[in-house]
Protein backbone atom coordinates (compact mmCIF):
# COMPACT_ATOMS: atom_id res chain seq x y z
CA MET A 1 0.06 0.04 0.04
CA ASN A 2 1.59 3.57 -1.22
CA ILE A 3 1.18 6.52 1.05
CA LEU A 4 -1.31 8.07 -1.43
CA GLU A 5 -4.04 4.75 -0.59
CA LYS A 6 -3.31 4.95 3.58
CA VAL A 7 -3.59 8.72 3.46
CA LEU A 8 -7.44 8.13 1.50
CA ILE A 9 -8.59 5.16 3.38
CA SER A 10 -7.47 6.59 6.69
CA GLY A 11 -9.62 9.73 6.17
CA TYR A 12 -12.37 7.64 4.35
CA GLU A 13 -13.05 5.45 7.80
CA ALA A 14 -12.18 8.54 9.87
CA LEU A 15 -14.91 9.99 7.93
CA LYS A 16 -17.49 6.55 7.64
CA GLU A 17 -17.18 6.74 11.61
CA TYR A 18 -18.00 10.11 12.66
CA LEU A 19 -20.79 10.22 9.58
CA SER A 20 -22.37 6.81 11.20
CA PHE A 21 -22.34 7.89 14.44
CA HIS A 22 -22.37 11.70 15.25
CA VAL A 23 -24.53 13.04 12.25
CA LEU A 24 -28.28 12.55 13.36
CA THR A 25 -28.11 12.38 16.73
CA CYS A 26 -25.19 15.27 17.63
CA LEU A 27 -24.64 17.84 14.60
CA LEU A 28 -28.23 18.06 13.04
CA PRO A 29 -29.94 19.24 16.69
CA ALA A 30 -27.16 21.18 17.41
CA PHE A 31 -26.94 23.15 14.05
CA PHE A 32 -30.81 23.85 14.78
CA ILE A 33 -29.74 25.18 18.25
CA ALA A 34 -27.50 27.16 16.73
CA GLY A 35 -29.77 28.24 13.77
CA ALA A 36 -32.46 29.42 15.98
CA ILE A 37 -29.82 31.74 18.21
CA SER A 38 -29.14 32.78 14.77
CA ALA A 39 -32.21 33.98 13.36
CA PHE A 40 -34.05 35.19 16.50
CA PHE A 41 -31.30 36.59 19.15
CA ARG A 42 -30.94 40.02 18.18
CA LYS A 43 -27.25 41.07 18.43
CA GLU A 44 -27.45 44.48 17.56
CA VAL A 45 -29.45 44.79 20.86
CA LEU A 46 -26.55 42.72 22.41
CA LEU A 47 -23.82 44.90 21.10
CA LYS A 48 -24.98 48.14 23.57
CA TYR A 49 -23.80 46.45 26.70
CA PHE A 50 -20.21 46.69 25.00
CA GLY A 51 -20.26 50.25 26.86
CA ARG A 52 -21.32 49.03 30.62
CA LYS A 53 -18.73 49.35 33.02
CA TYR A 54 -18.95 45.38 33.97
CA VAL A 55 -22.52 44.14 32.61
CA SER A 56 -20.11 44.20 29.25
CA TYR A 57 -17.97 41.72 30.44
CA VAL A 58 -20.64 39.04 30.73
CA PHE A 59 -22.44 39.82 27.56
CA SER A 60 -19.23 39.90 25.76
CA ALA A 61 -17.95 36.58 27.34
CA SER A 62 -21.39 34.91 26.19
CA ALA A 63 -20.84 36.18 22.32
CA GLY A 64 -19.85 32.93 21.51
CA THR A 65 -22.85 31.32 22.12
CA VAL A 66 -24.72 33.85 19.79
CA LEU A 67 -21.81 33.94 17.02
CA ALA A 68 -20.73 31.10 15.50
CA VAL A 69 -17.36 32.35 13.73
CA CYS A 70 -13.65 31.11 13.98
CA SER A 71 -10.97 32.96 15.07
CA CYS A 72 -10.49 34.31 11.82
CA THR A 73 -13.95 35.13 11.31
CA VAL A 74 -14.13 37.03 14.45
CA ILE A 75 -11.79 39.64 13.47
CA PRO A 76 -13.67 41.94 11.20
CA LEU A 77 -16.38 42.20 14.03
CA PHE A 78 -13.34 42.96 16.02
CA ALA A 79 -11.84 45.53 13.93
CA GLY A 80 -15.41 47.33 13.30
CA LEU A 81 -15.87 47.70 17.46
CA TYR A 82 -12.52 48.93 18.04
CA ARG A 83 -12.72 51.33 15.41
CA VAL A 84 -15.95 52.88 17.06
CA GLY A 85 -14.55 53.03 20.46
CA ALA A 86 -15.49 49.93 22.37
CA LYS A 87 -14.00 49.32 25.21
CA ILE A 88 -10.78 47.17 25.22
CA GLY A 89 -11.05 45.03 28.20
CA PRO A 90 -14.94 44.01 27.04
CA LEU A 91 -13.34 43.85 23.16
CA PHE A 92 -10.62 41.22 23.98
CA THR A 93 -12.88 39.52 26.38
CA PHE A 94 -15.32 39.38 23.24
CA LEU A 95 -12.19 38.23 20.79
CA TYR A 96 -11.64 35.47 22.88
CA SER A 97 -14.99 34.15 23.46
CA ALA A 98 -16.71 34.63 20.13
CA PRO A 99 -14.60 31.52 18.57
CA ALA A 100 -14.07 29.42 21.88
CA ILE A 101 -17.58 29.27 23.29
CA ASN A 102 -19.18 28.41 20.15
CA ILE A 103 -22.26 26.80 21.25
CA LEU A 104 -21.81 24.29 18.69
CA ALA A 105 -18.13 23.06 19.48
CA ILE A 106 -19.25 22.63 23.51
CA VAL A 107 -22.01 20.38 22.33
CA TYR A 108 -19.79 18.25 19.61
CA THR A 109 -17.69 18.43 22.22
CA ALA A 110 -19.07 16.95 24.95
CA ARG A 111 -20.62 13.82 22.53
CA VAL A 112 -17.77 12.57 20.71
CA ILE A 113 -14.83 13.33 23.48
CA GLY A 114 -16.66 13.53 26.74
CA LEU A 115 -18.80 15.16 28.73
CA ASP A 116 -16.43 16.31 31.39
CA ILE A 117 -14.27 17.68 28.95
CA GLY A 118 -17.57 19.41 27.30
CA PHE A 119 -18.41 21.12 30.61
CA PHE A 120 -14.53 22.04 31.59
CA ARG A 121 -14.12 23.53 28.25
CA ALA A 122 -17.45 25.81 28.47
CA PHE A 123 -16.65 26.72 32.11
CA PHE A 124 -12.93 27.32 31.55
CA ALA A 125 -13.59 29.51 28.58
CA VAL A 126 -15.99 31.81 29.53
CA THR A 127 -13.85 32.47 32.93
CA MET A 128 -10.79 33.02 30.68
CA SER A 129 -12.53 35.39 28.67
CA ILE A 130 -13.03 37.69 31.01
CA ILE A 131 -10.00 37.42 32.94
CA ILE A 132 -8.47 37.94 29.92
CA GLY A 133 -10.02 41.04 29.04
CA ALA A 134 -9.82 42.34 32.44
CA LEU A 135 -5.95 42.01 32.75
CA ILE A 136 -5.93 43.86 28.99
CA SER A 137 -8.05 46.65 30.15
CA ILE A 138 -5.49 46.92 33.49
CA PHE A 139 -2.47 47.07 31.16
CA PHE A 140 -3.30 48.99 28.42
CA LYS A 141 -5.89 51.88 28.64
CA SER A 142 -9.58 51.85 27.25
CA LYS A 143 -9.70 53.40 23.45
CA GLY A 144 -12.91 55.49 24.18
CA GLU A 145 -16.41 55.40 24.86
CA PHE A 146 -18.56 53.14 23.04
CA ILE A 147 -22.30 54.29 22.86
CA HIS A 148 -24.92 51.77 20.73
CA ALA A 149 -28.37 53.35 20.17
CA ALA A 150 -30.06 50.08 19.70
CA SER A 151 -32.61 48.96 21.99
CA GLY A 152 -35.33 46.71 22.41
CA LYS A 153 -35.21 42.61 24.06
CA VAL A 154 -32.48 40.31 22.81
CA TYR A 155 -34.70 37.50 22.41
CA GLU A 156 -38.41 36.72 23.39
CA ARG A 157 -39.50 34.15 25.58
CA LYS A 158 -40.74 31.75 22.86
CA HIS A 159 -37.08 31.45 21.50
CA LEU A 160 -35.86 30.45 24.65
CA TYR A 161 -38.57 27.74 25.08
CA LEU A 162 -37.72 25.98 21.36
CA ILE A 163 -33.81 26.31 22.24
CA PHE A 164 -34.68 24.63 25.33
CA LEU A 165 -36.93 21.64 23.28
CA LEU A 166 -33.84 21.16 21.00
CA PHE A 167 -31.08 20.82 23.71
CA LEU A 168 -33.90 17.61 24.82
CA LEU A 169 -33.54 16.57 21.43
CA LEU A 170 -30.34 16.51 21.80
CA ILE A 171 -29.57 15.24 25.08
CA PHE A 172 -32.18 12.55 24.64
CA GLY A 173 -32.51 12.06 21.16
CA LYS A 174 -32.86 8.47 20.99
CA GLY A 175 -35.82 6.36 20.37
CA ILE A 176 -38.98 6.44 21.62
CA TYR A 177 -37.63 9.96 23.40
CA SER A 178 -36.48 11.59 20.45
CA LEU A 179 -40.14 11.05 18.39
CA ALA A 180 -41.84 12.52 21.76
CA ILE A 181 -39.08 15.64 21.87
CA LEU A 182 -40.00 16.28 18.23
CA ALA A 183 -43.75 16.15 18.20
CA LEU A 184 -43.63 18.80 21.03
CA ILE A 185 -41.08 20.70 18.66
CA PHE A 186 -43.66 20.43 15.53
CA LEU A 187 -46.54 21.21 18.26
CA PHE A 188 -44.65 24.45 19.55
CA LEU A 189 -43.80 25.51 16.11
CA PHE A 190 -47.61 25.16 15.36
CA LYS A 191 -48.87 26.91 18.12
CA LYS A 192 -46.41 29.64 18.87
CA PHE A 193 -44.56 30.64 15.42
CA GLU A 194 -45.49 32.49 12.42
CA ARG A 195 -44.64 30.34 8.82
CA ASP A 196 -42.29 33.51 8.19
CA GLU A 197 -40.63 32.98 11.48
CA THR A 198 -39.93 29.26 10.89
CA ILE A 199 -38.89 29.64 7.47
CA TYR A 200 -36.29 31.99 8.57
CA TRP A 201 -34.98 29.61 10.96
CA ILE A 202 -34.91 26.66 8.82
CA ARG A 203 -33.00 28.92 6.19
CA GLU A 204 -30.15 30.41 9.23
CA THR A 205 -30.21 26.78 10.40
CA TYR A 206 -29.41 25.69 6.37
CA ILE A 207 -26.63 28.50 5.96
CA LEU A 208 -24.63 27.55 9.13
CA PHE A 209 -24.79 23.96 7.94
CA ARG A 210 -23.88 24.59 4.28
CA MET A 211 -21.04 27.22 5.95
CA ILE A 212 -19.60 24.77 8.32
CA PHE A 213 -20.01 21.38 7.56
CA PRO A 214 -17.99 20.88 4.62
CA LEU A 215 -15.00 22.03 6.73
CA ILE A 216 -16.18 19.23 10.03
CA LEU A 217 -15.58 16.42 7.09
CA ILE A 218 -12.36 18.25 6.52
CA GLY A 219 -10.98 18.06 10.00
CA ILE A 220 -12.54 15.02 10.38
CA PHE A 221 -10.69 13.35 7.04
CA PHE A 222 -7.65 15.00 8.02
CA ALA A 223 -8.01 13.71 11.57
CA GLY A 224 -8.16 10.20 10.38
CA VAL A 225 -4.85 10.88 8.40
CA ILE A 226 -3.10 12.29 11.41
CA LYS A 227 -3.78 8.97 13.63
CA ALA A 228 -2.25 6.93 10.64
CA PHE A 229 0.89 9.00 10.45
CA ALA A 230 1.21 10.00 13.58
CA SER A 231 4.08 8.52 16.07
CA GLU A 232 2.49 7.51 19.47
CA GLU A 233 5.69 7.58 20.82
CA ILE A 234 6.08 11.36 20.06
CA ILE A 235 2.73 12.12 21.05
CA LYS A 236 2.91 10.17 24.62
CA GLU A 237 6.56 12.11 25.22
CA PHE A 238 5.35 15.86 24.62
CA LEU A 239 1.26 15.68 25.11
CA GLY A 240 0.91 12.32 27.21
CA LYS A 241 2.30 13.52 30.36
CA GLU A 242 0.16 15.09 33.42
CA ASN A 243 2.80 18.12 33.96
CA PHE A 244 2.32 21.89 32.97
CA ILE A 245 5.19 21.72 30.37
CA SER A 246 2.49 19.36 28.33
CA TYR A 247 0.01 21.17 28.69
CA LEU A 248 1.83 24.41 27.60
CA ILE A 249 3.07 22.56 24.68
CA ALA A 250 -0.26 21.94 23.42
CA GLY A 251 -1.51 25.22 24.69
CA SER A 252 1.42 26.67 22.39
CA LEU A 253 0.14 24.18 19.27
CA GLY A 254 -3.40 25.54 19.71
CA ALA A 255 -2.35 29.01 19.53
CA LEU A 256 0.10 28.45 16.58
CA PHE A 257 -2.10 26.62 14.22
CA TYR A 258 -5.70 27.42 12.77
CA PHE A 259 -8.70 25.47 13.75
CA ALA A 260 -11.39 26.23 11.01
CA THR A 261 -15.00 25.76 13.15
CA LEU A 262 -15.43 22.38 14.87
CA THR A 263 -12.40 20.87 13.36
CA GLU A 264 -10.50 20.91 16.21
CA VAL A 265 -13.15 18.22 17.92
CA PRO A 266 -11.86 15.14 15.57
CA ILE A 267 -8.32 16.22 15.86
CA THR A 268 -7.91 15.98 19.52
CA GLU A 269 -10.17 13.18 19.44
CA SER A 270 -7.73 11.23 17.39
CA LEU A 271 -4.18 13.04 19.17
CA ILE A 272 -5.94 11.38 22.36
CA ASP A 273 -6.10 7.64 20.91
CA LEU A 274 -2.67 8.10 20.11
CA GLY A 275 -2.05 9.07 23.93
CA MET A 276 -2.19 12.69 24.24
CA SER A 277 -3.86 13.33 27.71
CA LYS A 278 -7.22 14.78 28.24
CA SER A 279 -6.07 17.73 30.38
CA ALA A 280 -3.75 18.48 27.43
CA ALA A 281 -6.58 18.20 25.31
CA VAL A 282 -8.29 20.69 27.40
CA ALA A 283 -5.45 23.23 26.54
CA LEU A 284 -5.25 22.53 22.97
CA LEU A 285 -9.36 23.22 22.78
CA LEU A 286 -9.00 26.51 25.15
CA ALA A 287 -6.45 27.77 22.67
CA GLY A 288 -6.98 26.13 19.05
CA PRO A 289 -10.56 27.20 18.30
CA ALA A 290 -10.01 30.95 20.08
CA VAL A 291 -6.06 32.11 18.26
CA SER A 292 -4.11 31.42 15.45
CA LEU A 293 -1.24 32.36 13.84
CA PRO A 294 -3.48 34.35 11.05
CA ASN A 295 -5.98 35.65 13.68
CA PHE A 296 -2.50 36.86 15.56
CA ILE A 297 -1.13 38.93 12.73
CA ALA A 298 -4.41 40.12 12.15
CA ILE A 299 -5.04 41.88 15.41
CA SER A 300 -1.15 43.28 15.91
CA ARG A 301 -2.09 45.36 12.59
CA ILE A 302 -5.09 46.29 14.48
CA ALA A 303 -4.63 46.53 17.76
CA GLY A 304 -1.03 47.20 18.25
CA ILE A 305 2.17 44.30 18.06
CA LYS A 306 2.30 44.92 22.60
CA ILE A 307 -1.40 44.31 22.86
CA SER A 308 -1.21 41.30 20.57
CA LEU A 309 1.71 39.68 22.24
CA THR A 310 -0.06 40.08 25.92
CA TYR A 311 -3.31 38.60 24.85
CA ILE A 312 -1.59 35.29 22.86
CA PHE A 313 0.55 34.92 25.89
CA LEU A 314 -2.61 34.99 28.43
CA VAL A 315 -3.99 32.52 26.05
CA ILE A 316 -1.84 30.18 26.09
CA PHE A 317 -0.85 30.74 29.95
CA PHE A 318 -4.79 30.36 31.12
CA SER A 319 -5.47 27.85 28.57
CA SER A 320 -2.37 25.73 30.45
CA PHE A 321 -3.29 26.69 33.90
CA SER A 322 -7.13 25.37 33.00
CA ALA A 323 -5.71 22.25 32.16
CA TYR A 324 -3.55 21.78 35.28
CA ILE A 325 -6.92 22.83 37.29
CA TYR A 326 -8.80 19.94 35.08
CA SER A 327 -6.01 17.58 35.78
CA LEU A 328 -6.66 18.18 39.52
CA ILE A 329 -9.90 18.05 39.60
CA PHE A 330 -10.06 14.76 37.46
CA GLU A 331 -7.51 12.83 40.08
CA ASN A 332 -9.21 13.77 43.02
CA TYR A 333 -13.28 13.16 41.87
CA LEU A 334 -13.36 12.63 37.96
CA SER A 335 -11.27 9.28 38.23
CA LEU A 336 -13.03 7.96 41.05
């Protein structure tokens, strides 16, 4: 078997396994949740909170649940807010949180790698985003005052109910339970939603699916290739040990390489299979989607090299430190 055949077979086997086990029970419900958030949450109203002293950090940290973007896609949003004078602390909280707390990525991580990794990824990402933004606001002065005039509610109550039902489908989406929850969703849509609203939601879901799903397939294919060619000895030597150096290496690799939305999940799973520790996986998942070399170059052009270097350093350090905290919790509690 030549190298090309091995690459194609390894990628094909990985695709076949993922498409068999994760699309219907995991990805489709997650895409419908993301579509509902994209369709029904008023992002322009959310932006008005960037000018509030403390509330802005909370809303900036929650931005990832509203915006399904990668580390490079968030740059135009970051640049626009920076130019109109957004406070620098909440702005960098947003820069990290938007790709790191992607609702699709968190759900996908929990279903594929494990509930514990998914939970800690979400918890540490929110915590890190606020700490990083607060530290940058201390180190550097804000550019100016941000004023956004949009008013009204960020969401309506029926939209939250729909998302809750979709989460139930995601959690209990097997057998008779999935049919019962689907029936509730269809009944709720019929009773509470206008036809145009439902069509808009489906359209937004399709747009996200069309934009992201091909990238997932590419990521899964390359994860299969990595699994076939990567050396277990090297992975175990540098990423398999439960120490801060391994976590720092994982966080640095995540910050260096570019991960398109959700591709970090199958790649991380393949590295775990090859011997990477779960703690190092936490560091990789926290740093990888949020920053990258192209991301760093773009930020340095917008905010300057000093702020950009500080931001990257903080992401790598706190990703590694979060992995260390996870290792302590895992050793003492989760492994029981």
